[in-house]
């Protein structure tokens, strides 16, 4: 359920405060202040979406208080409350950041309309900030793909935990689709109409991490020329995804733990407490148990994140999904490029099934994109596929001479397969005379078909 918006009413007249409270309390959380000093105190300690601000206060001029509040948080909408004779001042206030002004005695319907418009603008600004962040990212594909029993288990788990607000820790090798799992959890859950915000911990310098996550106020540090909203604030009501969380330093881990536990934080350079209403998902491609033993990852943060653990198996352990993934990515390329549907030959598919895919699904997707673009015909053949690295063989107990011979055997065989057992072509690829290649064929047999 979406939280109620909070409105702060700042007016030294008791009757005005009570009137606003009566009108607004059914739909909003209402906070009341009778002075500028009290308003600043409340604003610094509570999440406030909108302020109704009287121009004439006993301790500070309303315009000056407007400037102060906007400096503390430029994204909070402020509506000035004024008498008719002060309208010129209210117009001036709009020029320096107020959303609108209303005149006392006010009309209830007009006040509610103006408040709703201001809050809608507030939401649109947050959404725009979110979308600008998302435009910097490129989603490689639209949905998760797989039909093997391991992926079926993960799909079922995603469906179940998406309905809970408990934290999720996704672990798996690079390229297995951890972000896709996180997005699926968000998309299937009750927060799906709010932002899904990604914090890529590995790509953000540690010196900038706090500012990126929490945001900062103008002047918080050298170079902070403007107040900036952090990713946590953008994610309000939605989901925040910490990718590569294992790269966070210990100090930042402690601060993140506090945010998850207390559901609140402060921008750099500010004492204002901002409440967090978001689901937390984290991902790692490293062994966090080992990192905990080595003092590189906090034990308490691990257990706080690991409420719902998901382990994504590498592609080499679910090879039954490879044909499905290949067809899926070929379909995407066909739709995107309009060059016609393509497919893999049986020999090409057999080779792709035998490969271990150290880069997992991401490596497979990149290969399909390259082959679809470069291959002119409708069929992608084995010789069109770049020569994959050889499979590792247990040669650690072999003498050097035997180890070299074993590798040579694997390599020559792979080149011959790639050349469709055309010996002349294979010799050219290997950079040897055809007779040299022929001398090695006593331990190599071509396929029957």
Protein backbone atom coordinates (compact mmCIF):
# COMPACT_ATOMS: atom_id res chain seq x y z
CA UNK A 1 0.00 0.00 0.00
CA UNK A 2 1.37 3.41 -0.99
CA UNK A 3 2.17 5.68 1.93
CA UNK A 4 0.17 8.85 2.51
CA UNK A 5 1.81 12.04 1.34
CA UNK A 6 2.94 14.36 4.13
CA UNK A 7 2.07 18.07 4.18
CA UNK A 8 3.69 20.57 6.54
CA UNK A 9 1.50 23.60 7.40
CA UNK A 10 3.48 26.64 8.59
CA UNK A 11 1.31 29.47 9.96
CA UNK A 12 1.35 31.44 13.22
CA UNK A 13 -2.47 31.68 13.35
CA UNK A 14 -3.99 28.75 15.27
CA UNK A 15 -7.29 29.00 13.39
CA UNK A 16 -5.55 28.71 10.00
CA UNK A 17 -3.53 25.69 11.13
CA UNK A 18 -6.65 23.99 12.47
CA UNK A 19 -8.59 24.74 9.28
CA UNK A 20 -5.90 23.21 7.07
CA UNK A 21 -5.67 20.20 9.39
CA UNK A 22 -9.43 19.55 9.21
CA UNK A 23 -9.45 19.80 5.42
CA UNK A 24 -6.35 17.66 4.79
CA UNK A 25 -6.13 15.03 7.54
CA UNK A 26 -8.35 12.44 5.83
CA UNK A 27 -6.15 12.24 2.74
CA UNK A 28 -2.71 13.30 4.00
CA UNK A 29 -0.40 13.15 6.99
CA UNK A 30 -0.44 16.70 8.35
CA UNK A 31 2.36 18.31 10.38
CA UNK A 32 1.86 21.74 11.99
CA UNK A 33 4.35 24.50 12.79
CA UNK A 34 3.64 27.96 14.24
CA UNK A 35 7.04 29.50 13.45
CA UNK A 36 9.90 29.34 10.98
CA UNK A 37 12.20 27.76 13.56
CA UNK A 38 9.68 25.01 14.32
CA UNK A 39 9.16 24.44 10.60
CA UNK A 40 12.88 23.94 9.98
CA UNK A 41 13.08 21.52 12.92
CA UNK A 42 10.13 19.42 11.68
CA UNK A 43 11.35 19.52 8.08
CA UNK A 44 14.82 18.31 9.05
CA UNK A 45 13.43 15.30 10.93
CA UNK A 46 10.54 14.13 8.76
CA UNK A 47 9.88 13.23 5.13
CA UNK A 48 7.77 16.08 3.74
CA UNK A 49 6.24 16.11 0.26
CA UNK A 50 4.64 19.56 0.29
CA UNK A 51 4.65 22.70 2.47
CA UNK A 52 1.91 25.29 2.93
CA UNK A 53 3.91 28.34 4.01
CA UNK A 54 2.56 31.62 5.39
CA UNK A 55 4.45 34.68 4.21
CA UNK A 56 4.18 36.57 7.52
CA UNK A 57 5.70 34.63 10.43
CA UNK A 58 6.77 36.00 13.85
CA UNK A 59 10.44 34.98 13.61
CA UNK A 60 11.36 34.91 9.91
CA UNK A 61 10.09 36.42 6.68
CA UNK A 62 8.32 33.77 4.57
CA UNK A 63 10.43 34.45 1.49
CA UNK A 64 13.62 33.89 3.49
CA UNK A 65 12.21 30.66 4.95
CA UNK A 66 11.25 29.53 1.44
CA UNK A 67 14.85 29.99 0.31
CA UNK A 68 16.13 28.09 3.36
CA UNK A 69 13.75 25.16 2.87
CA UNK A 70 14.54 24.98 -0.84
CA UNK A 71 18.23 24.89 -0.02
CA UNK A 72 17.60 21.96 2.33
CA UNK A 73 15.56 20.11 -0.30
CA UNK A 74 14.93 21.73 -3.69
CA UNK A 75 12.48 18.97 -4.68
CA UNK A 76 9.89 19.64 -1.99
CA UNK A 77 6.98 21.62 -3.39
CA UNK A 78 6.01 24.80 -1.47
CA UNK A 79 2.72 26.70 -1.76
CA UNK A 80 2.68 30.20 -0.28
CA UNK A 81 -0.28 31.31 1.85
CA UNK A 82 -0.94 35.04 1.68
CA UNK A 83 -3.38 37.88 2.25
CA UNK A 84 -4.55 39.87 -0.77
CA UNK A 85 -2.19 42.77 -0.04
CA UNK A 86 0.79 40.40 -0.11
CA UNK A 87 0.10 38.94 -3.56
CA UNK A 88 3.06 40.76 -5.15
CA UNK A 89 5.33 39.13 -2.60
CA UNK A 90 3.77 35.73 -3.35
CA UNK A 91 4.47 36.20 -7.04
CA UNK A 92 8.08 36.97 -6.15
CA UNK A 93 8.14 33.73 -4.15
CA UNK A 94 7.08 31.77 -7.23
CA UNK A 95 10.01 33.23 -9.16
CA UNK A 96 12.44 31.84 -6.57
CA UNK A 97 10.93 28.36 -6.32
CA UNK A 98 7.42 28.31 -4.85
CA UNK A 99 4.93 26.23 -6.82
CA UNK A 100 1.86 28.46 -6.36
CA UNK A 101 0.14 30.75 -3.86
CA UNK A 102 -3.32 30.69 -2.25
CA UNK A 103 -5.15 33.63 -0.69
CA UNK A 104 -6.71 33.73 2.79
CA UNK A 105 -9.54 33.08 3.44
CA UNK A 106 -9.13 30.11 1.13
CA UNK A 107 -11.61 28.05 -0.87
CA UNK A 108 -11.36 24.38 0.12
CA UNK A 109 -11.87 22.93 -3.37
CA UNK A 110 -9.29 25.29 -4.87
CA UNK A 111 -6.76 24.44 -2.17
CA UNK A 112 -7.19 20.68 -2.73
CA UNK A 113 -6.83 21.15 -6.50
CA UNK A 114 -3.62 23.17 -6.16
CA UNK A 115 -2.18 20.64 -3.67
CA UNK A 116 -2.90 17.71 -6.00
CA UNK A 117 -1.28 19.51 -8.94
CA UNK A 118 1.81 20.29 -6.86
CA UNK A 119 2.12 16.69 -5.65
CA UNK A 120 1.67 15.42 -9.19
CA UNK A 121 4.54 17.66 -10.30
CA UNK A 122 6.63 16.30 -7.38
CA UNK A 123 5.98 12.72 -8.55
CA UNK A 124 6.74 13.58 -12.18
CA UNK A 125 10.07 15.17 -11.22
CA UNK A 126 11.03 11.99 -9.34
CA UNK A 127 9.94 9.85 -12.29
CA UNK A 128 11.89 12.02 -14.74
CA UNK A 129 15.03 11.67 -12.61
CA UNK A 130 14.51 7.92 -12.56
CA UNK A 131 13.99 7.72 -16.33
CA UNK A 132 17.12 9.76 -17.00
CA UNK A 133 19.08 7.22 -14.96
CA UNK A 134 17.45 4.34 -16.84
CA UNK A 135 18.29 5.86 -20.22
CA UNK A 136 21.95 5.44 -19.31
CA UNK A 137 21.40 1.70 -19.18
CA UNK A 138 20.67 -0.72 -22.04
CA UNK A 139 18.62 -3.80 -21.27
CA UNK A 140 20.07 -6.65 -23.33
CA UNK A 141 16.81 -8.60 -23.54
CA UNK A 142 13.25 -8.26 -22.44
CA UNK A 143 12.54 -11.42 -20.41
CA UNK A 144 14.11 -14.44 -18.79
CA UNK A 145 14.38 -17.56 -20.92
CA UNK A 146 14.79 -21.19 -19.89
CA UNK A 147 12.92 -24.48 -19.76
CA UNK A 148 15.24 -26.74 -17.74
CA UNK A 149 14.31 -27.89 -14.24
CA UNK A 150 16.81 -25.52 -12.59
CA UNK A 151 15.30 -22.47 -14.25
CA UNK A 152 11.77 -23.73 -13.49
CA UNK A 153 12.69 -23.76 -9.80
CA UNK A 154 14.01 -20.20 -10.04
CA UNK A 155 10.86 -19.00 -11.85
CA UNK A 156 8.71 -20.51 -9.11
CA UNK A 157 10.88 -18.91 -6.42
CA UNK A 158 10.67 -15.51 -8.13
CA UNK A 159 6.89 -15.74 -8.26
CA UNK A 160 6.70 -16.55 -4.54
CA UNK A 161 9.12 -14.00 -3.09
CA UNK A 162 7.98 -11.16 -5.37
CA UNK A 163 4.94 -10.74 -3.11
CA UNK A 164 7.09 -10.14 -0.02
CA UNK A 165 9.04 -7.03 0.96
CA UNK A 166 11.85 -9.16 2.40
CA UNK A 167 15.38 -8.55 1.13
CA UNK A 168 16.72 -10.78 -1.65
CA UNK A 169 20.31 -11.87 -2.31
CA UNK A 170 21.00 -13.20 -5.81
CA UNK A 171 24.27 -15.05 -6.36
CA UNK A 172 25.73 -16.42 -9.56
CA UNK A 173 28.59 -16.06 -12.00
CA UNK A 174 28.93 -12.99 -14.19
CA UNK A 175 26.57 -13.07 -17.14
CA UNK A 176 24.00 -15.47 -15.64
CA UNK A 177 21.22 -12.89 -15.55
CA UNK A 178 21.13 -11.68 -11.94
CA UNK A 179 19.68 -8.30 -12.89
CA UNK A 180 16.97 -10.01 -14.95
CA UNK A 181 15.97 -11.99 -11.87
CA UNK A 182 15.83 -8.78 -9.82
CA UNK A 183 13.71 -7.05 -12.48
CA UNK A 184 11.36 -10.05 -12.65
CA UNK A 185 10.85 -9.92 -8.87
CA UNK A 186 10.03 -6.22 -9.13
CA UNK A 187 7.77 -6.63 -12.15
CA UNK A 188 5.68 -9.39 -10.53
CA UNK A 189 5.39 -7.64 -7.17
CA UNK A 190 3.04 -4.97 -5.78
CA UNK A 191 5.68 -2.23 -6.35
CA UNK A 192 5.78 -2.71 -10.13
CA UNK A 193 4.28 0.70 -10.91
CA UNK A 194 7.12 2.43 -9.05
CA UNK A 195 10.80 2.77 -10.05
CA UNK A 196 13.29 -0.08 -10.30
CA UNK A 197 16.59 1.66 -9.55
CA UNK A 198 19.96 0.01 -10.19
CA UNK A 199 23.07 0.89 -8.21
CA UNK A 200 26.05 -0.70 -9.97
CA UNK A 201 28.50 -0.83 -7.09
CA UNK A 202 31.42 -2.00 -9.24
CA UNK A 203 31.24 0.91 -11.66
CA UNK A 204 30.94 3.73 -9.10
CA UNK A 205 34.20 4.96 -7.49
CA UNK A 206 34.16 4.42 -3.73
CA UNK A 207 34.77 8.13 -3.19
CA UNK A 208 31.47 8.90 -4.95
CA UNK A 209 29.42 5.98 -3.63
CA UNK A 210 27.78 7.80 -0.71
CA UNK A 211 26.74 10.70 -2.92
CA UNK A 212 25.37 8.32 -5.55
CA UNK A 213 23.35 6.31 -3.04
CA UNK A 214 22.26 8.97 -0.53
CA UNK A 215 22.52 12.17 -2.59
CA UNK A 216 24.09 15.39 -1.33
CA UNK A 217 23.22 18.98 -0.53
CA UNK A 218 24.80 21.96 -2.20
CA UNK A 219 28.18 22.66 -0.57
CA UNK A 220 28.40 19.23 1.10
CA UNK A 221 31.89 18.79 -0.35
CA UNK A 222 34.23 20.47 -2.81
CA UNK A 223 32.54 20.46 -6.21
CA UNK A 224 29.00 20.00 -4.85
CA UNK A 225 27.56 22.95 -6.73
CA UNK A 226 23.94 21.74 -6.56
CA UNK A 227 21.74 19.57 -4.40
CA UNK A 228 21.47 16.10 -5.95
CA UNK A 229 18.89 13.39 -5.23
CA UNK A 230 20.40 9.99 -4.43
CA UNK A 231 19.33 6.66 -5.90
CA UNK A 232 17.59 5.63 -2.67
CA UNK A 233 15.33 8.66 -2.86
CA UNK A 234 14.54 8.03 -6.52
CA UNK A 235 13.51 4.47 -5.63
CA UNK A 236 10.77 5.57 -3.20
CA UNK A 237 7.86 3.15 -3.40
CA UNK A 238 9.76 0.82 -5.73
CA UNK A 239 12.80 -1.43 -5.68
CA UNK A 240 16.50 -0.65 -5.30
CA UNK A 241 18.95 -3.18 -6.74
CA UNK A 242 22.57 -3.23 -5.53
CA UNK A 243 24.50 -5.04 -8.27
CA UNK A 244 28.00 -6.37 -7.42
CA UNK A 245 27.45 -5.57 -3.77
CA UNK A 246 30.64 -7.48 -2.93
CA UNK A 247 32.64 -4.48 -4.23
CA UNK A 248 31.37 -2.13 -1.50
CA UNK A 249 33.99 -1.20 1.08
CA UNK A 250 33.42 -2.09 4.76
CA UNK A 251 32.42 1.44 5.79
CA UNK A 252 29.76 1.70 3.09
CA UNK A 253 28.52 -1.77 3.99
CA UNK A 254 27.89 -0.54 7.55
CA UNK A 255 25.94 2.47 6.28
CA UNK A 256 23.87 0.33 3.95
CA UNK A 257 23.08 -2.07 6.79
CA UNK A 258 21.71 0.81 8.83
CA UNK A 259 19.53 1.97 5.93
CA UNK A 260 18.05 -1.51 5.46
CA UNK A 261 17.40 -1.91 9.18
CA UNK A 262 16.14 1.58 10.03
CA UNK A 263 14.55 2.43 6.65
CA UNK A 264 16.00 5.95 6.76
CA UNK A 265 19.07 7.95 5.75
CA UNK A 266 20.43 11.48 5.42
CA UNK A 267 21.86 13.22 2.38
CA UNK A 268 25.51 14.25 2.59
CA UNK A 269 25.70 17.70 4.10
CA UNK A 270 22.21 17.49 5.63
CA UNK A 271 20.70 16.49 8.96
CA UNK A 272 17.25 15.91 7.48
CA UNK A 273 16.11 12.32 7.93
CA UNK A 274 14.61 10.81 4.75
CA UNK A 275 12.46 7.72 5.17
CA UNK A 276 13.00 4.85 2.73
CA UNK A 277 10.01 2.98 1.35
CA UNK A 278 11.62 0.46 -1.00
CA UNK A 279 12.34 -3.23 -1.49
CA UNK A 280 16.05 -4.14 -1.33
CA UNK A 281 17.64 -6.65 -3.71
CA UNK A 282 21.39 -7.31 -3.94
CA UNK A 283 23.54 -9.44 -6.25
CA UNK A 284 27.06 -10.84 -6.12
CA UNK A 285 29.23 -12.97 -8.41
CA UNK A 286 31.73 -13.73 -5.66
CA UNK A 287 31.71 -16.21 -2.77
CA UNK A 288 30.47 -14.03 0.09
CA UNK A 289 31.19 -16.74 2.67
CA UNK A 290 34.88 -16.57 1.78
CA UNK A 291 34.80 -12.77 1.84
CA UNK A 292 33.28 -12.85 5.34
CA UNK A 293 36.06 -15.17 6.53
CA UNK A 294 38.65 -12.81 5.04
CA UNK A 295 37.06 -9.77 6.70
CA UNK A 296 36.02 -8.21 3.38
CA UNK A 297 32.25 -8.50 3.82
CA UNK A 298 30.17 -7.86 6.92
CA UNK A 299 28.57 -10.95 8.42
CA UNK A 300 25.56 -8.95 9.68
CA UNK A 301 24.92 -7.37 6.28
CA UNK A 302 25.04 -10.79 4.62
CA UNK A 303 22.39 -12.21 6.94
CA UNK A 304 20.27 -9.08 6.59
CA UNK A 305 20.33 -9.41 2.79
CA UNK A 306 20.02 -13.17 2.66
CA UNK A 307 16.38 -13.38 3.77
CA UNK A 308 15.48 -14.81 0.37
CA UNK A 309 18.56 -16.35 -1.31
CA UNK A 310 18.57 -17.19 -5.03
CA UNK A 311 21.45 -19.10 -6.63
CA UNK A 312 21.55 -18.92 -10.44
CA UNK A 313 23.40 -21.87 -12.00
CA UNK A 314 25.97 -21.18 -14.74
CA UNK A 315 24.99 -21.98 -18.32
CA UNK A 316 27.32 -25.00 -18.43
CA UNK A 317 25.10 -26.64 -15.77
CA UNK A 318 21.86 -26.08 -17.70
CA UNK A 319 22.82 -26.80 -21.28
CA UNK A 320 19.26 -27.83 -22.12
CA UNK A 321 18.50 -24.09 -22.17
CA UNK A 322 21.12 -23.31 -24.85
CA UNK A 323 18.92 -24.07 -27.92
CA UNK A 324 16.07 -22.05 -26.40
CA UNK A 325 18.38 -19.10 -25.71
CA UNK A 326 19.89 -19.25 -29.19
CA UNK A 327 16.44 -19.12 -30.82
CA UNK A 328 15.36 -16.36 -28.45
CA UNK A 329 18.30 -14.11 -29.32
CA UNK A 330 18.01 -14.88 -33.03
CA UNK A 331 14.37 -13.80 -32.80
CA UNK A 332 15.34 -10.54 -31.12
CA UNK A 333 17.92 -9.79 -33.79
CA UNK A 334 15.40 -10.61 -36.54
CA UNK A 335 12.89 -8.20 -35.04
CA UNK A 336 15.50 -5.49 -34.50
CA UNK A 337 17.30 -5.71 -37.86
CA UNK A 338 14.62 -6.99 -40.19
CA UNK A 339 17.09 -9.11 -42.15
CA UNK A 340 15.06 -12.31 -42.05
CA UNK A 341 15.01 -15.30 -39.72
CA UNK A 342 18.25 -17.29 -39.34
CA UNK A 343 19.09 -20.61 -37.71
CA UNK A 344 22.10 -22.74 -36.76
CA UNK A 345 23.16 -25.88 -38.62
CA UNK A 346 23.19 -29.14 -36.65
CA UNK A 347 27.00 -29.21 -36.50
CA UNK A 348 27.11 -25.61 -35.33
CA UNK A 349 24.49 -26.31 -32.66
CA UNK A 350 26.38 -29.42 -31.51
CA UNK A 351 29.55 -27.35 -31.05
CA UNK A 352 27.70 -24.64 -29.13
CA UNK A 353 26.19 -27.28 -26.84
CA UNK A 354 29.63 -28.73 -26.10
CA UNK A 355 31.13 -25.33 -25.20
CA UNK A 356 31.24 -24.42 -21.50
CA UNK A 357 30.31 -20.72 -21.90
CA UNK A 358 32.50 -19.11 -19.22
CA UNK A 359 30.74 -15.79 -19.94
CA UNK A 360 27.35 -17.49 -19.52
CA UNK A 361 24.18 -16.08 -21.13
CA UNK A 362 25.79 -12.70 -21.83
CA UNK A 363 28.55 -14.38 -23.88
CA UNK A 364 25.98 -16.40 -25.80
CA UNK A 365 23.89 -13.32 -26.57
CA UNK A 366 26.93 -11.39 -27.82
CA UNK A 367 27.94 -14.29 -30.07
CA UNK A 368 24.46 -14.53 -31.58
CA UNK A 369 24.42 -10.80 -32.31
CA UNK A 370 27.81 -11.01 -34.03
CA UNK A 371 26.92 -14.11 -36.09
CA UNK A 372 23.51 -12.79 -37.12
CA UNK A 373 25.09 -9.59 -38.41
CA UNK A 374 28.10 -11.12 -40.17
CA UNK A 375 26.57 -14.25 -41.73
CA UNK A 376 24.93 -13.47 -45.07
CA UNK A 377 22.81 -16.59 -45.54
CA UNK A 378 19.86 -17.94 -43.53
CA UNK A 379 21.96 -20.75 -42.00
CA UNK A 380 24.84 -20.16 -39.57
CA UNK A 381 27.40 -22.93 -40.12
CA UNK A 382 30.15 -24.25 -37.87
CA UNK A 383 32.84 -22.54 -39.95
CA UNK A 384 31.11 -19.20 -39.28
CA UNK A 385 31.68 -19.57 -35.55
CA UNK A 386 34.96 -18.24 -34.07
CA UNK A 387 37.26 -20.93 -32.70
CA UNK A 388 36.37 -21.33 -29.03
CA UNK A 389 39.06 -21.79 -26.38
CA UNK A 390 39.91 -25.43 -25.85
CA UNK A 391 38.32 -27.31 -22.98
CA UNK A 392 40.62 -27.69 -20.02
CA UNK A 393 42.08 -31.18 -19.77
CA UNK A 394 43.52 -32.83 -16.68
CA UNK A 395 47.20 -32.58 -17.64
CA UNK A 396 48.69 -31.44 -14.35
CA UNK A 397 50.38 -34.82 -13.77
CA UNK A 398 51.62 -35.20 -17.33
CA UNK A 399 55.20 -34.52 -18.41
CA UNK A 400 55.56 -31.36 -20.52
CA UNK A 401 55.95 -33.31 -23.75
CA UNK A 402 52.71 -35.23 -23.18
CA UNK A 403 50.85 -32.08 -22.13
CA UNK A 404 51.90 -30.30 -25.35
CA UNK A 405 50.84 -33.30 -27.42
CA UNK A 406 47.44 -33.40 -25.69
CA UNK A 407 46.81 -29.74 -26.37
CA UNK A 408 47.95 -30.07 -29.98
CA UNK A 409 45.56 -32.95 -30.50
CA UNK A 410 42.62 -30.93 -29.19
CA UNK A 411 43.56 -27.82 -31.15
CA UNK A 412 44.13 -29.53 -34.52
CA UNK A 413 40.88 -31.45 -34.13
CA UNK A 414 38.96 -28.21 -33.41
CA UNK A 415 40.44 -26.48 -36.47
CA UNK A 416 39.58 -29.44 -38.70
CA UNK A 417 35.99 -29.39 -37.46
CA UNK A 418 35.80 -25.67 -38.09
CA UNK A 419 37.10 -26.22 -41.64
CA UNK A 420 34.55 -29.00 -42.17
CA UNK A 421 37.48 -31.45 -42.43
CA UNK A 422 38.87 -29.66 -45.47
CA UNK A 423 42.56 -30.43 -44.92
CA UNK A 424 43.89 -27.70 -47.20
CA UNK A 425 41.80 -25.04 -45.45
CA UNK A 426 42.71 -26.38 -42.01
CA UNK A 427 46.43 -26.28 -42.88
CA UNK A 428 46.07 -22.64 -43.92
CA UNK A 429 44.42 -21.79 -40.60
CA UNK A 430 47.13 -23.65 -38.66
CA UNK A 431 49.89 -22.03 -40.70
CA UNK A 432 51.52 -25.37 -41.61
CA UNK A 433 52.15 -27.31 -44.82
CA UNK A 434 49.36 -29.71 -45.82
CA UNK A 435 51.79 -32.65 -45.53
CA UNK A 436 52.58 -31.63 -41.93
CA UNK A 437 48.90 -31.77 -41.12
CA UNK A 438 48.53 -35.14 -42.86
CA UNK A 439 51.27 -36.56 -40.66
CA UNK A 440 49.17 -35.82 -37.59
CA UNK A 441 45.92 -37.33 -38.84
CA UNK A 442 46.69 -40.84 -37.58
CA UNK A 443 45.15 -39.85 -34.22
CA UNK A 444 42.31 -37.76 -35.66
CA UNK A 445 39.12 -39.18 -37.13
CA UNK A 446 36.61 -37.17 -39.14
CA UNK A 447 32.92 -37.42 -38.22
CA UNK A 448 30.87 -40.16 -39.89
CA UNK A 449 28.36 -37.69 -41.38
